Structures are given as C-alpha cells and as structure tokens.
Amino acid sequence: MGRNVAAEEHKTVTRRGRTEIYRNQAIVEIFSKTLAGRLFGFQNGEEMAKTGRSIAWVKTLPEVVPGCIDQRRN
C-alpha cells in the first residue's frame, strides 16, 4: 500500500477489520445508517429546491457527526 502523507501529518492510524470479527463492521454500518438518517431530510430538501445535484449537505457534516458519536455513547 502507498503512503498517505495527510494521515501521517495528523497522526491518524487506519485499522483494518478482520473478516471473522463482525463487531467492527456492525459499528460502521450503524454509524452510516444514523448519519444517512440525519442527512437525508436536508439533502432531499436541497435537491428538490434546485435542479441538478446538490452537495450542500456536506457543509453540515461537522455538526452532524459529533451528534452521531455522542448518541452512540449514551
């Protein structure tokens, strides 16, 4: 695999899941489902108001992601 310079600068470690451990996959799937549920309404409203594809929902990610993480902790 190649180096990821940006990840190294931010001291980010990438872990790979193993096929026999389903807990890692389940955590990601639950997070993705929660994130999609929170962003769907905003994305759908933006795309209905405009013609073409909208990526305005990406701006809300920094606000939505911490909420999803906090929800899982409680």
Foldseek 3Di string as FASTA:
>chain_A
DDDDVVCVVVVHDDDDDDPVDCPVVVVVVVLVVQVCVVLVVVLVVVCVVDPDHDPVSVVCVVVVNVVSVVVVVD
